[in-house]
């Protein structure tokens, strides 16, 4: 199976995985699916809030996590001197 290398392909893959997890659990138990979907939404809100409104250290780590999820490289660090 070939790996998806385009940016939009990764977005589609992550979106599909995010939507299909609660949908698959819905078949087993509907209430459990609602709980899992709520946890995924809460996790996304916490990451975004940490990136935008957290301390400098938390914000930097949240943006690193978002870059890691999007499979983007780290920006070049500012070297002294």
N, C-alpha and C. Protein backbone atom coordinates (compact mmCIF):
# COMPACT_ATOMS: atom_id res chain seq x y z
N UNK A 1 0.84 -1.16 0.00
CA UNK A 1 0.00 0.00 0.00
C UNK A 1 0.90 1.24 0.00
N UNK A 2 0.73 2.14 -0.96
CA UNK A 2 1.59 3.32 -1.01
C UNK A 2 1.23 4.32 0.09
N UNK A 3 2.23 5.00 0.57
CA UNK A 3 2.01 6.01 1.60
C UNK A 3 1.57 7.30 0.96
N UNK A 4 0.69 8.02 1.61
CA UNK A 4 0.22 9.30 1.11
C UNK A 4 1.24 10.37 1.48
N UNK A 5 1.70 11.11 0.47
CA UNK A 5 2.71 12.11 0.74
C UNK A 5 2.18 13.53 0.59
N UNK A 6 1.03 13.71 -0.03
CA UNK A 6 0.51 15.06 -0.18
C UNK A 6 -0.10 15.54 1.13
N UNK A 7 -0.12 16.83 1.29
CA UNK A 7 -0.64 17.43 2.50
C UNK A 7 -2.12 17.14 2.65
N UNK A 8 -2.85 17.21 1.56
CA UNK A 8 -4.29 16.97 1.62
C UNK A 8 -4.59 15.50 1.89
N UNK A 9 -3.73 14.62 1.42
CA UNK A 9 -3.91 13.20 1.70
C UNK A 9 -3.80 12.91 3.19
N UNK A 10 -2.86 13.58 3.87
CA UNK A 10 -2.71 13.40 5.31
C UNK A 10 -3.93 13.94 6.05
N UNK A 11 -4.44 15.09 5.58
CA UNK A 11 -5.62 15.67 6.22
C UNK A 11 -6.81 14.72 6.08
N UNK A 12 -6.97 14.15 4.90
CA UNK A 12 -8.07 13.21 4.67
C UNK A 12 -7.89 11.98 5.55
N UNK A 13 -6.67 11.49 5.68
CA UNK A 13 -6.41 10.30 6.49
C UNK A 13 -6.72 10.56 7.96
N UNK A 14 -6.26 11.69 8.50
CA UNK A 14 -6.51 12.01 9.90
C UNK A 14 -8.00 12.22 10.13
N UNK A 15 -8.66 12.92 9.22
CA UNK A 15 -10.10 13.16 9.36
C UNK A 15 -10.88 11.86 9.31
N UNK A 16 -10.51 10.99 8.39
CA UNK A 16 -11.19 9.70 8.29
C UNK A 16 -11.01 8.88 9.56
N UNK A 17 -9.80 8.85 10.09
CA UNK A 17 -9.55 8.10 11.32
C UNK A 17 -10.32 8.69 12.50
N UNK A 18 -10.40 10.01 12.55
CA UNK A 18 -11.10 10.68 13.64
C UNK A 18 -12.59 10.41 13.59
N UNK A 19 -13.14 10.39 12.40
CA UNK A 19 -14.58 10.17 12.26
C UNK A 19 -14.93 8.69 12.38
N UNK A 20 -14.07 7.84 11.86
CA UNK A 20 -14.42 6.41 11.83
C UNK A 20 -14.33 5.74 13.20
N UNK A 21 -13.51 6.24 14.10
CA UNK A 21 -13.41 5.62 15.43
C UNK A 21 -14.74 5.67 16.17
N UNK A 22 -15.35 6.86 16.34
CA UNK A 22 -16.67 6.86 17.00
C UNK A 22 -17.74 6.12 16.19
N UNK A 23 -17.65 6.17 14.87
CA UNK A 23 -18.64 5.48 14.04
C UNK A 23 -18.56 3.97 14.23
N UNK A 24 -17.34 3.45 14.32
CA UNK A 24 -17.18 2.01 14.53
C UNK A 24 -17.65 1.60 15.92
N UNK A 25 -17.37 2.43 16.91
CA UNK A 25 -17.79 2.11 18.27
C UNK A 25 -19.31 2.24 18.39
N UNK A 26 -19.93 3.10 17.57
CA UNK A 26 -21.38 3.27 17.59
C UNK A 26 -22.08 1.93 17.35
N UNK A 27 -21.47 1.09 16.53
CA UNK A 27 -22.06 -0.22 16.26
C UNK A 27 -22.07 -1.11 17.50
N UNK A 28 -21.07 -0.94 18.35
CA UNK A 28 -20.98 -1.75 19.57
C UNK A 28 -21.88 -1.17 20.67
N UNK A 29 -21.72 0.12 20.93
CA UNK A 29 -22.50 0.76 21.98
C UNK A 29 -22.61 2.25 21.70
N UNK A 30 -23.81 2.76 21.43
CA UNK A 30 -23.96 4.18 21.06
C UNK A 30 -23.48 5.16 22.13
N UNK A 31 -23.72 4.89 23.39
CA UNK A 31 -23.29 5.82 24.44
C UNK A 31 -21.77 5.92 24.50
N UNK A 32 -21.08 4.80 24.30
CA UNK A 32 -19.62 4.81 24.31
C UNK A 32 -19.08 5.65 23.15
N UNK A 33 -19.77 5.61 22.03
CA UNK A 33 -19.36 6.40 20.88
C UNK A 33 -19.46 7.90 21.17
N UNK A 34 -20.50 8.29 21.85
CA UNK A 34 -20.68 9.70 22.22
C UNK A 34 -19.58 10.14 23.17
N UNK A 35 -19.21 9.29 24.10
CA UNK A 35 -18.13 9.61 25.04
C UNK A 35 -16.81 9.76 24.31
N UNK A 36 -16.50 8.85 23.39
CA UNK A 36 -15.23 8.93 22.64
C UNK A 36 -15.20 10.17 21.77
N UNK A 37 -16.28 10.49 21.09
CA UNK A 37 -16.33 11.69 20.25
C UNK A 37 -16.14 12.94 21.11
N UNK A 38 -16.77 12.97 22.27
CA UNK A 38 -16.60 14.11 23.18
C UNK A 38 -15.18 14.26 23.66
N UNK A 39 -14.52 13.13 23.95
CA UNK A 39 -13.12 13.19 24.39
C UNK A 39 -12.21 13.70 23.26
N UNK A 40 -12.47 13.27 22.03
CA UNK A 40 -11.66 13.76 20.90
C UNK A 40 -11.84 15.26 20.70
N UNK A 41 -13.06 15.73 20.82
CA UNK A 41 -13.32 17.17 20.68
C UNK A 41 -12.64 17.93 21.82
N UNK A 42 -12.76 17.43 23.04
CA UNK A 42 -12.13 18.09 24.19
C UNK A 42 -10.61 18.12 24.04
N UNK A 43 -10.03 17.04 23.55
CA UNK A 43 -8.58 17.01 23.34
C UNK A 43 -8.16 18.06 22.32
N UNK A 44 -8.89 18.18 21.24
CA UNK A 44 -8.58 19.20 20.24
C UNK A 44 -8.69 20.61 20.80
N UNK A 45 -9.71 20.85 21.61
CA UNK A 45 -9.88 22.17 22.22
C UNK A 45 -8.75 22.47 23.18
N UNK A 46 -8.34 21.50 23.97
CA UNK A 46 -7.25 21.70 24.93
C UNK A 46 -5.94 22.01 24.20
N UNK A 47 -5.65 21.29 23.13
CA UNK A 47 -4.41 21.54 22.38
C UNK A 47 -4.43 22.94 21.78
N UNK A 48 -5.54 23.32 21.16
CA UNK A 48 -5.63 24.65 20.56
C UNK A 48 -5.55 25.75 21.62
N UNK A 49 -6.24 25.57 22.74
CA UNK A 49 -6.20 26.57 23.80
C UNK A 49 -4.79 26.69 24.39
N UNK A 50 -4.10 25.57 24.54
CA UNK A 50 -2.72 25.61 25.04
C UNK A 50 -1.81 26.34 24.06
N UNK A 51 -2.01 26.09 22.78
CA UNK A 51 -1.17 26.75 21.76
C UNK A 51 -1.42 28.25 21.74
N UNK A 52 -2.68 28.65 21.89
CA UNK A 52 -3.00 30.07 21.75
C UNK A 52 -2.91 30.86 23.05
N UNK A 53 -3.28 30.26 24.18
CA UNK A 53 -3.40 31.03 25.42
C UNK A 53 -2.52 30.54 26.55
N UNK A 54 -1.74 29.49 26.34
CA UNK A 54 -0.91 28.93 27.39
C UNK A 54 0.36 29.75 27.62
N UNK A 55 1.13 29.33 28.61
CA UNK A 55 2.42 29.97 28.85
C UNK A 55 3.32 29.74 27.64
N UNK A 56 4.44 30.42 27.61
CA UNK A 56 5.34 30.31 26.46
C UNK A 56 5.79 28.86 26.25
N UNK A 57 6.11 28.17 27.32
CA UNK A 57 6.58 26.78 27.22
C UNK A 57 5.46 25.85 26.73
N UNK A 58 4.26 25.98 27.30
CA UNK A 58 3.13 25.15 26.87
C UNK A 58 2.74 25.45 25.43
N UNK A 59 2.76 26.72 25.08
CA UNK A 59 2.40 27.11 23.71
C UNK A 59 3.38 26.52 22.71
N UNK A 60 4.66 26.58 23.03
CA UNK A 60 5.67 26.02 22.13
C UNK A 60 5.50 24.52 21.96
N UNK A 61 5.19 23.84 23.05
CA UNK A 61 4.99 22.38 22.97
C UNK A 61 3.72 22.03 22.20
N UNK A 62 2.67 22.82 22.37
CA UNK A 62 1.43 22.55 21.62
C UNK A 62 1.65 22.77 20.13
N UNK A 63 2.36 23.84 19.76
CA UNK A 63 2.64 24.06 18.35
C UNK A 63 3.54 22.98 17.78
N UNK A 64 4.48 22.47 18.60
CA UNK A 64 5.30 21.34 18.15
C UNK A 64 4.45 20.11 17.89
N UNK A 65 3.49 19.85 18.79
CA UNK A 65 2.59 18.72 18.60
C UNK A 65 1.76 18.88 17.33
N UNK A 66 1.27 20.09 17.07
CA UNK A 66 0.49 20.33 15.86
C UNK A 66 1.35 20.13 14.61
N UNK A 67 2.62 20.57 14.66
CA UNK A 67 3.52 20.34 13.51
C UNK A 67 3.79 18.85 13.35
N UNK A 68 3.93 18.14 14.45
CA UNK A 68 4.17 16.70 14.38
C UNK A 68 2.97 15.98 13.77
N UNK A 69 1.76 16.37 14.17
CA UNK A 69 0.56 15.76 13.62
C UNK A 69 0.46 16.04 12.12
N UNK A 70 0.82 17.26 11.70
CA UNK A 70 0.74 17.63 10.28
C UNK A 70 1.94 17.14 9.49
N UNK A 71 2.91 16.51 10.17
CA UNK A 71 4.12 15.99 9.54
C UNK A 71 4.92 17.10 8.84
N UNK A 72 5.08 18.20 9.55
CA UNK A 72 5.86 19.32 9.03
C UNK A 72 7.18 19.40 9.80
N UNK A 73 8.22 19.87 9.15
CA UNK A 73 9.53 19.93 9.84
C UNK A 73 9.57 21.04 10.88
N UNK A 74 10.48 20.88 11.81
CA UNK A 74 10.70 21.90 12.81
C UNK A 74 11.30 23.14 12.13
N UNK A 75 10.93 24.34 12.56
CA UNK A 75 11.56 25.53 11.99
C UNK A 75 13.01 25.61 12.46
N UNK A 76 13.86 26.26 11.69
CA UNK A 76 15.26 26.38 12.13
C UNK A 76 15.36 27.17 13.42
N UNK A 77 16.20 26.69 14.32
CA UNK A 77 16.35 27.39 15.60
C UNK A 77 17.28 28.58 15.44
N UNK A 78 17.05 29.58 16.26
CA UNK A 78 17.89 30.76 16.23
C UNK A 78 19.18 30.46 16.97
N UNK A 79 20.28 30.44 16.27
CA UNK A 79 21.56 30.16 16.90
C UNK A 79 22.21 31.45 17.35
N UNK A 80 22.73 31.47 18.58
CA UNK A 80 23.37 32.69 19.08
C UNK A 80 24.69 32.94 18.35
N UNK A 81 24.90 34.21 18.10
CA UNK A 81 26.19 34.60 17.56
C UNK A 81 26.23 34.69 16.14
